[in-house]
C-alpha cells in the first residue's frame, strides 16, 4: 500500500480510537497526529478539518460493525436467534475493548452523537443515519419473527426503534457506570420487549 494511503488509514483509526475512548471535543488534530506518528501537514493533505476526518472515521467504524451484523443477522439463522447472536458478539466486543483500555467504552456512535448534540450538525446527521442502518437489521428480524408467529409485532418499524433505544440505553449506561451489568441483563430485557416466548427463541 502506498505510504500516503497508509497514513490516511492511520489517521482514521487514531481519530476513531481517541474520540471513542475520550471525546470529540477533547481530541485535537495535534493529538490525532501524535497518536499515529504523522505530521500535521500530512493531516491536512488528507482532510480539510477534524469534522471531515470524523465523518469518514464514522463510515469506517460502521464498515467493521456491519461485517459483524451481516454475520449475526444472517437469514441462515432463525430471526430471534439473530438477536442473541448479535448481543453475544457485542458483549464479547465490549469485554475485549474494556480489557484493552481499562473501562467500558459503550457504543462509539451513540457516545459521539450524545456529545455533539446540535453543535456539529453534519456529524449528528451522520450518526443518526448510521443508527438508522442498525435499526433496519432489527426491523428485518422482527418482521420475519412476526410472520412466523413467534412474536406479535404488526408494526415492525416501531418495535425496531424501541429495541434500538433499549440497546443503546443499556450500553451507554454501562459506559457511564463503567459496569457491564446493563449489558449482561440486556438480552432478558430485549426479549421481554419483543414479547418472545422461550420456546420461540430456542
N, C-alpha and C. Protein backbone atom coordinates (compact mmCIF):
# COMPACT_ATOMS: atom_id res chain seq x y z
N UNK A 1 0.84 -1.19 0.00
CA UNK A 1 0.00 0.00 0.00
C UNK A 1 0.88 1.24 0.00
N UNK A 2 0.58 2.26 -0.83
CA UNK A 2 1.36 3.48 -0.84
C UNK A 2 1.37 4.14 0.53
N UNK A 3 2.48 4.81 0.80
CA UNK A 3 2.65 5.41 2.12
C UNK A 3 1.55 6.41 2.46
N UNK A 4 1.11 7.21 1.43
CA UNK A 4 0.11 8.23 1.71
C UNK A 4 -1.23 7.59 2.08
N UNK A 5 -1.53 6.43 1.50
CA UNK A 5 -2.76 5.71 1.85
C UNK A 5 -2.67 5.15 3.25
N UNK A 6 -1.49 4.66 3.61
CA UNK A 6 -1.27 4.12 4.95
C UNK A 6 -1.46 5.21 6.00
N UNK A 7 -0.95 6.40 5.73
CA UNK A 7 -1.08 7.49 6.69
C UNK A 7 -2.54 7.90 6.86
N UNK A 8 -3.30 7.85 5.79
CA UNK A 8 -4.72 8.18 5.87
C UNK A 8 -5.46 7.19 6.78
N UNK A 9 -5.18 5.91 6.60
CA UNK A 9 -5.82 4.89 7.42
C UNK A 9 -5.42 5.02 8.88
N UNK A 10 -4.16 5.35 9.12
CA UNK A 10 -3.68 5.52 10.49
C UNK A 10 -4.36 6.71 11.17
N UNK A 11 -4.56 7.78 10.42
CA UNK A 11 -5.27 8.94 10.96
C UNK A 11 -6.71 8.59 11.31
N UNK A 12 -7.37 7.85 10.45
CA UNK A 12 -8.75 7.47 10.69
C UNK A 12 -8.87 6.59 11.94
N UNK A 13 -7.98 5.63 12.06
CA UNK A 13 -8.02 4.73 13.22
C UNK A 13 -7.71 5.47 14.51
N UNK A 14 -6.69 6.32 14.46
CA UNK A 14 -6.32 7.08 15.66
C UNK A 14 -7.46 7.98 16.11
N UNK A 15 -8.08 8.67 15.17
CA UNK A 15 -9.19 9.56 15.50
C UNK A 15 -10.35 8.78 16.10
N UNK A 16 -10.69 7.66 15.49
CA UNK A 16 -11.79 6.83 15.97
C UNK A 16 -11.53 6.36 17.40
N UNK A 17 -10.33 5.86 17.66
CA UNK A 17 -9.99 5.35 18.99
C UNK A 17 -10.00 6.46 20.04
N UNK A 18 -9.38 7.59 19.72
CA UNK A 18 -9.29 8.69 20.67
C UNK A 18 -10.67 9.28 21.01
N UNK A 19 -11.50 9.45 20.00
CA UNK A 19 -12.82 10.04 20.23
C UNK A 19 -13.75 9.09 20.97
N UNK A 20 -13.64 7.81 20.68
CA UNK A 20 -14.50 6.84 21.34
C UNK A 20 -14.09 6.66 22.80
N UNK A 21 -12.80 6.55 23.04
CA UNK A 21 -12.33 6.31 24.40
C UNK A 21 -12.28 7.59 25.23
N UNK A 22 -12.29 8.73 24.54
CA UNK A 22 -12.31 10.00 25.24
C UNK A 22 -13.53 10.78 24.83
N UNK A 23 -13.34 11.81 23.99
CA UNK A 23 -14.47 12.59 23.49
C UNK A 23 -14.04 13.34 22.23
N UNK A 24 -15.02 13.79 21.49
CA UNK A 24 -14.75 14.55 20.26
C UNK A 24 -14.07 15.88 20.60
N UNK A 25 -14.66 16.62 21.53
CA UNK A 25 -14.15 17.95 21.84
C UNK A 25 -12.77 17.93 22.49
N UNK A 26 -12.48 16.85 23.22
CA UNK A 26 -11.18 16.76 23.90
C UNK A 26 -10.08 16.24 22.98
N UNK A 27 -10.46 15.79 21.79
CA UNK A 27 -9.48 15.24 20.85
C UNK A 27 -9.10 16.29 19.82
N UNK A 28 -7.85 16.69 19.81
CA UNK A 28 -7.39 17.72 18.87
C UNK A 28 -6.69 17.08 17.68
N UNK A 29 -6.52 17.85 16.63
CA UNK A 29 -5.78 17.39 15.46
C UNK A 29 -4.35 17.03 15.87
N UNK A 30 -3.76 17.83 16.74
CA UNK A 30 -2.40 17.55 17.21
C UNK A 30 -2.33 16.19 17.90
N UNK A 31 -3.33 15.87 18.73
CA UNK A 31 -3.33 14.59 19.43
C UNK A 31 -3.49 13.43 18.46
N UNK A 32 -4.33 13.62 17.48
CA UNK A 32 -4.54 12.56 16.48
C UNK A 32 -3.23 12.29 15.73
N UNK A 33 -2.56 13.36 15.32
CA UNK A 33 -1.30 13.21 14.59
C UNK A 33 -0.23 12.56 15.47
N UNK A 34 -0.18 12.98 16.72
CA UNK A 34 0.81 12.41 17.64
C UNK A 34 0.56 10.93 17.88
N UNK A 35 -0.71 10.55 17.98
CA UNK A 35 -1.06 9.16 18.28
C UNK A 35 -0.62 8.21 17.18
N UNK A 36 -0.59 8.69 15.93
CA UNK A 36 -0.21 7.80 14.84
C UNK A 36 1.12 8.19 14.20
N UNK A 37 1.84 9.13 14.82
CA UNK A 37 3.17 9.49 14.34
C UNK A 37 3.19 10.14 12.98
N UNK A 38 2.20 10.99 12.72
CA UNK A 38 2.09 11.67 11.43
C UNK A 38 2.14 13.18 11.64
N UNK A 39 2.84 13.88 10.77
CA UNK A 39 2.96 15.32 10.89
C UNK A 39 1.64 16.00 10.54
N UNK A 40 1.43 17.16 11.14
CA UNK A 40 0.18 17.88 10.96
C UNK A 40 -0.06 18.25 9.49
N UNK A 41 1.02 18.53 8.77
CA UNK A 41 0.88 18.86 7.35
C UNK A 41 0.27 17.72 6.57
N UNK A 42 0.64 16.50 6.95
CA UNK A 42 0.08 15.32 6.28
C UNK A 42 -1.40 15.18 6.57
N UNK A 43 -1.79 15.57 7.78
CA UNK A 43 -3.22 15.52 8.13
C UNK A 43 -4.02 16.36 7.13
N UNK A 44 -3.57 17.59 6.93
CA UNK A 44 -4.33 18.50 6.06
C UNK A 44 -4.14 18.17 4.57
N UNK A 45 -3.23 17.26 4.28
CA UNK A 45 -3.14 16.74 2.91
C UNK A 45 -4.32 15.81 2.63
N UNK A 46 -4.75 15.12 3.68
CA UNK A 46 -5.83 14.14 3.54
C UNK A 46 -7.20 14.70 3.90
N UNK A 47 -7.26 15.58 4.89
CA UNK A 47 -8.53 16.08 5.40
C UNK A 47 -8.50 17.59 5.57
N UNK A 48 -9.59 18.23 5.29
CA UNK A 48 -9.65 19.68 5.43
C UNK A 48 -9.90 20.11 6.87
N UNK A 49 -10.46 19.19 7.68
CA UNK A 49 -10.81 19.55 9.06
C UNK A 49 -11.00 18.29 9.90
N UNK A 50 -11.11 18.48 11.20
CA UNK A 50 -11.39 17.37 12.10
C UNK A 50 -12.79 16.82 11.81
N UNK A 51 -13.71 17.69 11.44
CA UNK A 51 -15.06 17.25 11.13
C UNK A 51 -15.06 16.29 9.94
N UNK A 52 -14.33 16.64 8.88
CA UNK A 52 -14.27 15.77 7.71
C UNK A 52 -13.66 14.41 8.07
N UNK A 53 -12.59 14.45 8.86
CA UNK A 53 -11.96 13.21 9.32
C UNK A 53 -12.96 12.37 10.11
N UNK A 54 -13.71 13.00 10.98
CA UNK A 54 -14.66 12.29 11.83
C UNK A 54 -15.76 11.63 11.01
N UNK A 55 -16.25 12.32 10.01
CA UNK A 55 -17.30 11.76 9.16
C UNK A 55 -16.81 10.50 8.45
N UNK A 56 -15.58 10.54 7.98
CA UNK A 56 -15.04 9.35 7.30
C UNK A 56 -14.71 8.25 8.30
N UNK A 57 -14.25 8.64 9.49
CA UNK A 57 -13.96 7.64 10.52
C UNK A 57 -15.24 6.92 10.95
N UNK A 58 -16.35 7.63 10.99
CA UNK A 58 -17.63 7.01 11.33
C UNK A 58 -18.01 5.94 10.31
N UNK A 59 -17.81 6.25 9.04
CA UNK A 59 -18.12 5.27 8.00
C UNK A 59 -17.19 4.06 8.10
N UNK A 60 -15.95 4.30 8.44
CA UNK A 60 -15.00 3.20 8.60
C UNK A 60 -15.40 2.32 9.79
N UNK A 61 -15.79 2.97 10.89
CA UNK A 61 -16.24 2.21 12.06
C UNK A 61 -17.49 1.40 11.73
N UNK A 62 -18.39 2.00 10.97
CA UNK A 62 -19.60 1.29 10.57
C UNK A 62 -19.28 0.07 9.72
N UNK A 63 -18.31 0.18 8.82
CA UNK A 63 -17.96 -0.93 7.94
C UNK A 63 -17.57 -2.16 8.76
N UNK A 64 -16.79 -1.95 9.83
CA UNK A 64 -16.42 -3.06 10.69
C UNK A 64 -17.61 -3.62 11.45
N UNK A 65 -18.48 -2.73 11.93
CA UNK A 65 -19.67 -3.13 12.66
C UNK A 65 -20.64 -3.89 11.74
N UNK A 66 -20.76 -3.41 10.51
CA UNK A 66 -21.66 -4.04 9.54
C UNK A 66 -21.25 -5.48 9.25
N UNK A 67 -19.95 -5.73 9.21
CA UNK A 67 -19.48 -7.09 8.96
C UNK A 67 -19.99 -8.03 10.05
N UNK A 68 -19.97 -7.55 11.29
CA UNK A 68 -20.49 -8.35 12.41
C UNK A 68 -22.01 -8.52 12.28
N UNK A 69 -22.71 -7.45 11.91
CA UNK A 69 -24.16 -7.53 11.76
C UNK A 69 -24.56 -8.49 10.64
N UNK A 70 -23.83 -8.47 9.55
CA UNK A 70 -24.16 -9.35 8.43
C UNK A 70 -24.01 -10.82 8.82
N UNK A 71 -23.10 -11.08 9.75
CA UNK A 71 -22.92 -12.45 10.23
C UNK A 71 -23.98 -12.83 11.25
N UNK A 72 -24.19 -11.98 12.25
CA UNK A 72 -25.12 -12.33 13.34
C UNK A 72 -26.58 -12.26 12.90
N UNK A 73 -26.89 -11.38 11.95
CA UNK A 73 -28.27 -11.26 11.46
C UNK A 73 -28.46 -11.97 10.12
N UNK A 74 -27.61 -12.91 9.84
CA UNK A 74 -27.73 -13.67 8.60
C UNK A 74 -29.08 -14.39 8.54
N UNK A 75 -29.73 -14.40 7.37
CA UNK A 75 -31.00 -15.12 7.20
C UNK A 75 -30.86 -16.62 7.44
N UNK A 76 -29.63 -17.10 7.52
CA UNK A 76 -29.41 -18.52 7.80
C UNK A 76 -29.82 -18.86 9.23
N UNK A 77 -29.91 -17.85 10.10
CA UNK A 77 -30.29 -18.07 11.50
C UNK A 77 -31.76 -17.70 11.70
N UNK A 78 -32.46 -18.41 12.61
CA UNK A 78 -33.84 -18.03 12.93
C UNK A 78 -33.87 -16.56 13.41
N UNK A 79 -34.94 -15.83 13.14
CA UNK A 79 -34.96 -14.40 13.40
C UNK A 79 -34.67 -13.97 14.84
N UNK A 80 -35.24 -14.67 15.81
CA UNK A 80 -34.99 -14.28 17.20
C UNK A 80 -33.59 -14.67 17.65
N UNK A 81 -33.08 -15.76 17.08
CA UNK A 81 -31.72 -16.17 17.41
C UNK A 81 -30.70 -15.12 16.94
N UNK A 82 -31.06 -14.38 15.91
CA UNK A 82 -30.16 -13.34 15.40
C UNK A 82 -29.87 -12.30 16.48
N UNK A 83 -30.89 -11.96 17.25
CA UNK A 83 -30.69 -11.01 18.34
C UNK A 83 -29.73 -11.57 19.39
N UNK A 84 -29.89 -12.84 19.72
CA UNK A 84 -29.00 -13.48 20.68
C UNK A 84 -27.56 -13.47 20.18
N UNK A 85 -27.38 -13.79 18.92
CA UNK A 85 -26.04 -13.81 18.34
C UNK A 85 -25.43 -12.40 18.32
N UNK A 86 -26.24 -11.43 17.98
CA UNK A 86 -25.77 -10.05 17.96
C UNK A 86 -25.33 -9.59 19.35
N UNK A 87 -26.17 -9.84 20.34
CA UNK A 87 -25.85 -9.40 21.70
C UNK A 87 -24.62 -10.12 22.26
N UNK A 88 -24.48 -11.40 21.92
CA UNK A 88 -23.31 -12.16 22.37
C UNK A 88 -22.04 -11.61 21.74
N UNK A 89 -22.09 -11.31 20.44
CA UNK A 89 -20.92 -10.76 19.75
C UNK A 89 -20.58 -9.37 20.27
N UNK A 90 -21.61 -8.57 20.52
CA UNK A 90 -21.38 -7.21 21.03
C UNK A 90 -20.82 -7.25 22.45
N UNK A 91 -21.32 -8.17 23.25
CA UNK A 91 -20.83 -8.31 24.63
C UNK A 91 -19.35 -8.71 24.63
N UNK A 92 -18.99 -9.62 23.74
CA UNK A 92 -17.59 -10.03 23.63
C UNK A 92 -16.71 -8.86 23.18
N UNK A 93 -17.22 -8.07 22.25
CA UNK A 93 -16.50 -6.90 21.76
C UNK A 93 -16.29 -5.89 22.88
N UNK A 94 -17.33 -5.63 23.66
CA UNK A 94 -17.22 -4.68 24.77
C UNK A 94 -16.22 -5.17 25.82
N UNK A 95 -16.24 -6.45 26.10
CA UNK A 95 -15.31 -7.01 27.08
C UNK A 95 -13.88 -6.92 26.60
N UNK A 96 -13.66 -7.21 25.32
CA UNK A 96 -12.32 -7.13 24.74
C UNK A 96 -11.79 -5.69 24.78
N UNK A 97 -12.66 -4.75 24.42
CA UNK A 97 -12.26 -3.34 24.43
C UNK A 97 -11.97 -2.87 25.85
N UNK A 98 -12.78 -3.31 26.80
CA UNK A 98 -12.57 -2.94 28.20
C UNK A 98 -11.24 -3.46 28.71
N UNK A 99 -10.92 -4.67 28.33
CA UNK A 99 -9.65 -5.26 28.74
C UNK A 99 -8.48 -4.47 28.17
N UNK A 100 -8.66 -3.96 26.97
CA UNK A 100 -7.60 -3.22 26.28
C UNK A 100 -7.39 -1.82 26.86
N UNK A 101 -8.50 -1.11 27.14
CA UNK A 101 -8.36 0.29 27.55
C UNK A 101 -8.69 0.55 29.02
N UNK A 102 -9.24 -0.44 29.71
CA UNK A 102 -9.43 -0.29 31.15
C UNK A 102 -10.80 0.18 31.60
N UNK A 103 -11.72 0.40 30.68
CA UNK A 103 -13.07 0.79 31.08
C UNK A 103 -14.05 0.43 29.97
N UNK A 104 -15.34 0.41 30.32
CA UNK A 104 -16.39 0.07 29.36
C UNK A 104 -16.59 1.26 28.42
N UNK A 105 -16.44 1.03 27.12
CA UNK A 105 -16.50 2.13 26.15
C UNK A 105 -17.89 2.40 25.59
N UNK A 106 -18.78 1.41 25.63
CA UNK A 106 -20.12 1.62 25.10
C UNK A 106 -20.13 1.68 23.58
N UNK A 107 -21.13 2.37 23.04
CA UNK A 107 -21.30 2.47 21.59
C UNK A 107 -20.62 3.73 21.07
N UNK A 108 -19.68 3.60 20.13
CA UNK A 108 -18.98 4.78 19.62
C UNK A 108 -19.92 5.77 18.93
N UNK A 109 -20.93 5.27 18.23
CA UNK A 109 -21.87 6.15 17.53
C UNK A 109 -22.71 6.95 18.52
N UNK A 110 -23.25 6.26 19.50
CA UNK A 110 -24.14 6.91 20.46
C UNK A 110 -23.37 7.86 21.37
N UNK A 111 -22.16 7.46 21.75
CA UNK A 111 -21.34 8.32 22.60
C UNK A 111 -21.03 9.63 21.90
N UNK A 112 -20.63 9.53 20.64
CA UNK A 112 -20.30 10.73 19.87
C UNK A 112 -21.55 11.55 19.60
N UNK A 113 -22.63 10.91 19.19
CA UNK A 113 -23.86 11.63 18.90
C UNK A 113 -24.40 12.36 20.11
N UNK A 114 -24.31 11.74 21.29
CA UNK A 114 -24.78 12.38 22.52
C UNK A 114 -23.94 13.60 22.87
N UNK A 115 -22.65 13.49 22.64
CA UNK A 115 -21.75 14.61 22.95
C UNK A 115 -21.96 15.77 21.99
N UNK A 116 -22.11 15.47 20.72
CA UNK A 116 -22.19 16.51 19.69
C UNK A 116 -23.47 17.33 19.81
N UNK A 117 -24.61 16.64 20.05
CA UNK A 117 -25.88 17.34 20.13
C UNK A 117 -26.14 18.14 18.87
N UNK A 118 -26.40 19.42 19.03
CA UNK A 118 -26.68 20.29 17.88
C UNK A 118 -25.46 21.11 17.46
N UNK A 119 -24.31 20.84 18.06
CA UNK A 119 -23.12 21.67 17.81
C UNK A 119 -22.46 21.37 16.46
N UNK A 120 -22.54 20.12 16.03
CA UNK A 120 -21.92 19.72 14.76
C UNK A 120 -22.98 18.99 13.93
N UNK A 121 -23.82 19.74 13.22
CA UNK A 121 -24.95 19.13 12.50
C UNK A 121 -24.57 18.01 11.55
N UNK A 122 -23.47 18.17 10.81
CA UNK A 122 -23.09 17.14 9.84
C UNK A 122 -22.75 15.82 10.54
N UNK A 123 -22.05 15.90 11.67
CA UNK A 123 -21.70 14.69 12.42
C UNK A 123 -22.94 14.09 13.06
N UNK A 124 -23.78 14.94 13.62
CA UNK A 124 -25.02 14.44 14.24
C UNK A 124 -25.87 13.70 13.21
N UNK A 125 -26.00 14.26 12.03
CA UNK A 125 -26.80 13.64 10.98
C UNK A 125 -26.19 12.32 10.52
N UNK A 126 -24.87 12.26 10.45
CA UNK A 126 -24.20 11.01 10.05
C UNK A 126 -24.42 9.92 11.09
N UNK A 127 -24.29 10.29 12.37
CA UNK A 127 -24.53 9.31 13.44
C UNK A 127 -25.97 8.81 13.37
N UNK A 128 -26.92 9.71 13.20
CA UNK A 128 -28.33 9.34 13.12
C UNK A 128 -28.57 8.41 11.93
N UNK A 129 -27.94 8.70 10.82
CA UNK A 129 -28.07 7.86 9.63
C UNK A 129 -27.55 6.45 9.89
N UNK A 130 -26.40 6.36 10.52
CA UNK A 130 -25.79 5.05 10.79
C UNK A 130 -26.64 4.25 11.78
N UNK A 131 -27.15 4.92 12.81
CA UNK A 131 -28.02 4.22 13.76
C UNK A 131 -29.29 3.72 13.06
N UNK A 132 -29.73 4.47 12.06
CA UNK A 132 -30.88 4.02 11.27
C UNK A 132 -30.58 2.75 10.50
N UNK A 133 -29.35 2.60 10.06
CA UNK A 133 -28.95 1.37 9.36
C UNK A 133 -29.01 0.17 10.31
N UNK A 134 -28.55 0.38 11.54
CA UNK A 134 -28.62 -0.68 12.55
C UNK A 134 -30.07 -1.05 12.83
N UNK A 135 -30.92 -0.05 12.93
CA UNK A 135 -32.33 -0.27 13.19
C UNK A 135 -32.98 -1.15 12.13
N UNK A 136 -32.52 -1.03 10.88
CA UNK A 136 -33.08 -1.83 9.80
C UNK A 136 -32.79 -3.32 9.98
N UNK A 137 -31.64 -3.65 10.55
CA UNK A 137 -31.34 -5.06 10.85
C UNK A 137 -32.35 -5.58 11.87
N UNK A 138 -32.61 -4.78 12.89
CA UNK A 138 -33.58 -5.17 13.91
C UNK A 138 -34.97 -5.34 13.28
N UNK A 139 -35.34 -4.39 12.46
CA UNK A 139 -36.68 -4.42 11.85
C UNK A 139 -36.87 -5.66 10.99
N UNK A 140 -35.87 -6.03 10.22
CA UNK A 140 -35.98 -7.20 9.35
C UNK A 140 -36.21 -8.47 10.16
N UNK A 141 -35.45 -8.63 11.25
CA UNK A 141 -35.60 -9.82 12.09
C UNK A 141 -36.96 -9.83 12.79
N UNK A 142 -37.41 -8.68 13.24
CA UNK A 142 -38.72 -8.58 13.90
C UNK A 142 -39.83 -8.90 12.92
N UNK A 143 -39.73 -8.37 11.72
CA UNK A 143 -40.75 -8.61 10.70
C UNK A 143 -40.86 -10.11 10.38
N UNK A 144 -39.72 -10.78 10.29
CA UNK A 144 -39.74 -12.21 9.99
C UNK A 144 -40.27 -13.03 11.16
N UNK A 145 -39.88 -12.64 12.38
CA UNK A 145 -40.38 -13.35 13.56
C UNK A 145 -41.90 -13.21 13.68
N UNK A 146 -42.41 -12.05 13.33
CA UNK A 146 -43.86 -11.83 13.34
C UNK A 146 -44.54 -12.72 12.29
N UNK A 147 -43.95 -12.79 11.11
CA UNK A 147 -44.52 -13.60 10.03
C UNK A 147 -44.56 -15.08 10.40
N UNK A 148 -43.58 -15.51 11.21
CA UNK A 148 -43.52 -16.91 11.64
C UNK A 148 -44.41 -17.18 12.86
N UNK A 149 -45.02 -16.14 13.40
CA UNK A 149 -45.89 -16.30 14.56
C UNK A 149 -45.13 -16.41 15.87
N UNK A 150 -43.86 -16.04 15.88
CA UNK A 150 -43.06 -16.14 17.10
C UNK A 150 -43.28 -14.96 18.04
N UNK A 151 -43.63 -13.82 17.47
CA UNK A 151 -43.96 -12.64 18.26
C UNK A 151 -45.13 -11.93 17.59
N UNK A 152 -45.77 -11.03 18.33
CA UNK A 152 -46.85 -10.22 17.79
C UNK A 152 -46.31 -8.82 17.58
N UNK A 153 -45.99 -8.50 16.33
CA UNK A 153 -45.36 -7.21 16.02
C UNK A 153 -45.81 -6.72 14.65
N UNK A 154 -47.08 -6.32 14.52
CA UNK A 154 -47.56 -5.84 13.22
C UNK A 154 -46.86 -4.58 12.75
N UNK A 155 -46.36 -3.77 13.70
CA UNK A 155 -45.61 -2.56 13.36
C UNK A 155 -44.13 -2.81 13.66
N UNK A 156 -43.46 -3.50 12.75
CA UNK A 156 -42.07 -3.90 12.99
C UNK A 156 -41.15 -2.70 13.10
N UNK A 157 -41.41 -1.66 12.34
CA UNK A 157 -40.54 -0.48 12.36
C UNK A 157 -40.57 0.20 13.73
N UNK A 158 -41.75 0.32 14.31
CA UNK A 158 -41.89 0.95 15.62
C UNK A 158 -41.19 0.13 16.70
N UNK A 159 -41.35 -1.18 16.65
CA UNK A 159 -40.72 -2.04 17.65
C UNK A 159 -39.21 -2.04 17.48
N UNK A 160 -38.73 -1.99 16.24
CA UNK A 160 -37.29 -1.93 16.00
C UNK A 160 -36.69 -0.67 16.62
N UNK A 161 -37.41 0.44 16.53
CA UNK A 161 -36.95 1.69 17.14
C UNK A 161 -36.86 1.54 18.65
N UNK A 162 -37.83 0.84 19.26
CA UNK A 162 -37.80 0.61 20.70
C UNK A 162 -36.62 -0.28 21.09
N UNK A 163 -36.35 -1.29 20.27
CA UNK A 163 -35.21 -2.18 20.53
C UNK A 163 -33.90 -1.40 20.45
N UNK A 164 -33.79 -0.54 19.44
CA UNK A 164 -32.59 0.29 19.32
C UNK A 164 -32.42 1.18 20.55
N UNK A 165 -33.51 1.77 21.01
CA UNK A 165 -33.46 2.62 22.19
C UNK A 165 -33.01 1.85 23.42
N UNK A 166 -33.55 0.64 23.59
CA UNK A 166 -33.17 -0.20 24.72
C UNK A 166 -31.69 -0.58 24.65
N UNK A 167 -31.27 -1.01 23.47
CA UNK A 167 -29.87 -1.43 23.30
C UNK A 167 -28.91 -0.28 23.57
N UNK A 168 -29.14 0.85 22.92
CA UNK A 168 -28.23 1.98 23.08
C UNK A 168 -28.26 2.52 24.51
N UNK A 169 -29.43 2.50 25.13
CA UNK A 169 -29.52 2.94 26.52
C UNK A 169 -28.70 2.07 27.44
N UNK A 170 -28.75 0.76 27.22
CA UNK A 170 -28.01 -0.18 28.08
C UNK A 170 -26.50 -0.02 27.93
N UNK A 171 -26.02 0.06 26.69
CA UNK A 171 -24.57 0.15 26.50
C UNK A 171 -24.05 1.53 26.93
N UNK A 172 -24.89 2.55 26.81
CA UNK A 172 -24.49 3.88 27.27
C UNK A 172 -24.44 3.93 28.79
N UNK A 173 -25.41 3.31 29.45
CA UNK A 173 -25.40 3.25 30.91
C UNK A 173 -24.20 2.46 31.40
N UNK A 174 -23.84 1.39 30.67
CA UNK A 174 -22.66 0.61 31.04
C UNK A 174 -21.40 1.48 30.97
N UNK A 175 -21.33 2.36 29.97
CA UNK A 175 -20.19 3.28 29.85
C UNK A 175 -20.18 4.28 31.01
N UNK A 176 -21.35 4.85 31.31
CA UNK A 176 -21.44 5.85 32.37
C UNK A 176 -21.03 5.25 33.72
N UNK A 177 -21.53 4.05 33.99
CA UNK A 177 -21.25 3.40 35.28
C UNK A 177 -19.92 2.65 35.28
N UNK A 178 -19.36 2.44 34.07
CA UNK A 178 -18.19 1.58 33.92
C UNK A 178 -18.48 0.22 34.57
N UNK A 179 -19.60 -0.35 34.14
CA UNK A 179 -20.10 -1.58 34.74
C UNK A 179 -20.82 -2.38 33.66
N UNK A 180 -20.51 -3.66 33.53
CA UNK A 180 -21.11 -4.49 32.50
C UNK A 180 -22.54 -4.92 32.81
N UNK A 181 -23.03 -4.65 34.00
CA UNK A 181 -24.34 -5.14 34.41
C UNK A 181 -25.46 -4.79 33.42
N UNK A 182 -25.55 -3.55 32.94
CA UNK A 182 -26.62 -3.25 31.96
C UNK A 182 -26.50 -4.07 30.68
N UNK A 183 -25.27 -4.39 30.28
CA UNK A 183 -25.06 -5.19 29.08
C UNK A 183 -25.42 -6.65 29.35
N UNK A 184 -25.07 -7.13 30.54
CA UNK A 184 -25.33 -8.53 30.89
C UNK A 184 -26.83 -8.82 30.98
N UNK A 185 -27.63 -7.83 31.35
CA UNK A 185 -29.07 -8.05 31.51
C UNK A 185 -29.86 -7.61 30.27
N UNK A 186 -29.16 -7.19 29.24
CA UNK A 186 -29.82 -6.64 28.05
C UNK A 186 -30.66 -7.68 27.31
N UNK A 187 -30.15 -8.91 27.19
CA UNK A 187 -30.89 -9.91 26.43
C UNK A 187 -32.26 -10.19 27.04
N UNK A 188 -32.31 -10.34 28.36
CA UNK A 188 -33.58 -10.62 29.01
C UNK A 188 -34.57 -9.48 28.79
N UNK A 189 -34.10 -8.25 28.90
CA UNK A 189 -34.97 -7.10 28.69
C UNK A 189 -35.43 -6.99 27.26
N UNK A 190 -34.55 -7.30 26.32
CA UNK A 190 -34.90 -7.21 24.91
C UNK A 190 -36.00 -8.21 24.55
N UNK A 191 -35.89 -9.43 25.05
CA UNK A 191 -36.90 -10.43 24.70
C UNK A 191 -38.22 -10.18 25.43
N UNK A 192 -38.17 -9.53 26.59
CA UNK A 192 -39.42 -9.10 27.22
C UNK A 192 -40.09 -8.04 26.36
N UNK A 193 -39.28 -7.12 25.82
CA UNK A 193 -39.83 -6.09 24.94
C UNK A 193 -40.43 -6.69 23.68
N UNK A 194 -39.76 -7.68 23.13
CA UNK A 194 -40.27 -8.34 21.92
C UNK A 194 -41.50 -9.20 22.21
N UNK A 195 -41.67 -9.58 23.47
CA UNK A 195 -42.79 -10.45 23.81
C UNK A 195 -42.56 -11.85 23.30
N UNK A 196 -41.29 -12.26 23.29
CA UNK A 196 -40.93 -13.58 22.74
C UNK A 196 -40.99 -14.63 23.84
N UNK A 197 -41.52 -15.77 23.50
CA UNK A 197 -41.55 -16.91 24.41
C UNK A 197 -40.24 -17.69 24.28
N UNK A 198 -39.80 -18.30 25.37
CA UNK A 198 -38.54 -19.04 25.37
C UNK A 198 -38.51 -20.11 24.29
N UNK A 199 -39.65 -20.76 24.06
CA UNK A 199 -39.69 -21.83 23.06
C UNK A 199 -39.44 -21.28 21.65
N UNK A 200 -39.88 -20.05 21.45
CA UNK A 200 -39.70 -19.45 20.11
C UNK A 200 -38.27 -19.05 19.86
N UNK A 201 -37.55 -18.72 20.94
CA UNK A 201 -36.17 -18.27 20.81
C UNK A 201 -35.23 -19.43 20.56
N UNK A 202 -35.52 -20.56 21.18
CA UNK A 202 -34.62 -21.71 21.10
C UNK A 202 -34.50 -22.23 19.68
